[in-house]
Amino acid sequence: MKVNKFKKLSGGKYKVYFDNTEMVLYEEVILKYELLFDKDIDIYMLDKISNENKYYEAYHMALKYIEIKMRSRNELYEYLIRKEFDLDMIDRVLCDIDSLGIINDEVYIESYINDKVNLSNYGPDKIKDELVRMDFDEGKINNYLSNISDDIWREKIEKYISKKLKSNNKSYYMFINKLKYELISLGYDRYMIEEELSKIEYFSGDLSKDYDKFNKKYEGDKYKISNGLHRKGYSYDEINEFLNNL
C-alpha cells in the first residue's frame, strides 16, 4: 500500500491516508520512517509504525502529565499503568524522560515537603510516611526534614490549637484528649504536642448546660447524672465540685 495523503492535526499529529486505511500518527513516527507521498508500505512495516506510534502516544501523555504539576518517577509509572501501556513500553518512556532531566526525586521531595509545611496541617511524621509510600529514599526525606526548625513545627501546632479553641464546645479534658489524638494523627512529635497543650489554660466547658440536660434526662438521679457528665468528658473532680456548689 502507498501513502496517499496527509492531514495535519493538533498536538504534533497527522492523519495519514493509505490505499485502504488511515492512521493518526505522531510527527516523530512520520519522520523516523520517512513516510513520503507514494511510499510503499508493507504489512510488516505498518505493524512497526503502529507500535512506534503507540510508544509516542505514551511518551507525549507522560510529558503532558508532568506539565500539569511536578511528578515523581513512581507517579509517572502508575499513571502509564492506568493508561494500560505495556511494561516494556513504559520502561522505555521513563528511560527517555529520565534522560531529559525533568524528573528529579530530590527536587520533588524538597518541593513536596515545602508545600505540606506551608499549605497543610501535616507534621513531619505524616509527611515522611506519605513520601515513603511513594517509594522515595528515606535517607533523602530525613535529610530535608532535618533542615526544618522545631520552631516551625511548634508554630504549626500552636496555630492548629488556636483554631480549634475558637470553635470548642467540649469540656477541658475532652478537648485536650481530642486535640492530642488529632495532632498525633497529623504526625507531630508527642513531646512537642504535650508541651504545647500544657500551655492551654484550664476551662470548664459548658458544664452547667450539660448538667441541666442530664438532670432532666435522669430526673435528678445524681449517680446517673455524674456518670453521664463523665462520659461527656468531664473529670469526676470537676463534676463533684460543680455538684457540691449547686
Foldseek 3Di string as FASTA:
>chain_A
DAWADWADDPPQWIWTDDPPDIDIAHVVLCVVVVRDGGDDDDPVNVVVSVVVRVLVVLLVVLVVVCVVDHDALLVSLVVVVVVPDDPVSSVVSSVVVVVVVSHDLLVVLLVQVVCCLPPHLADLQVSLVVVVVSVDDSVSNVVNVVVDDPVSNLVSLLVVLVVCVVPDQAAQQVSLVVSLVVNVVSPHDNVSSVVSSVPDDHDGHPVVVLLVVQCVVVVNPLVSSLVVSVVSPDDSVSSVVVVVVD
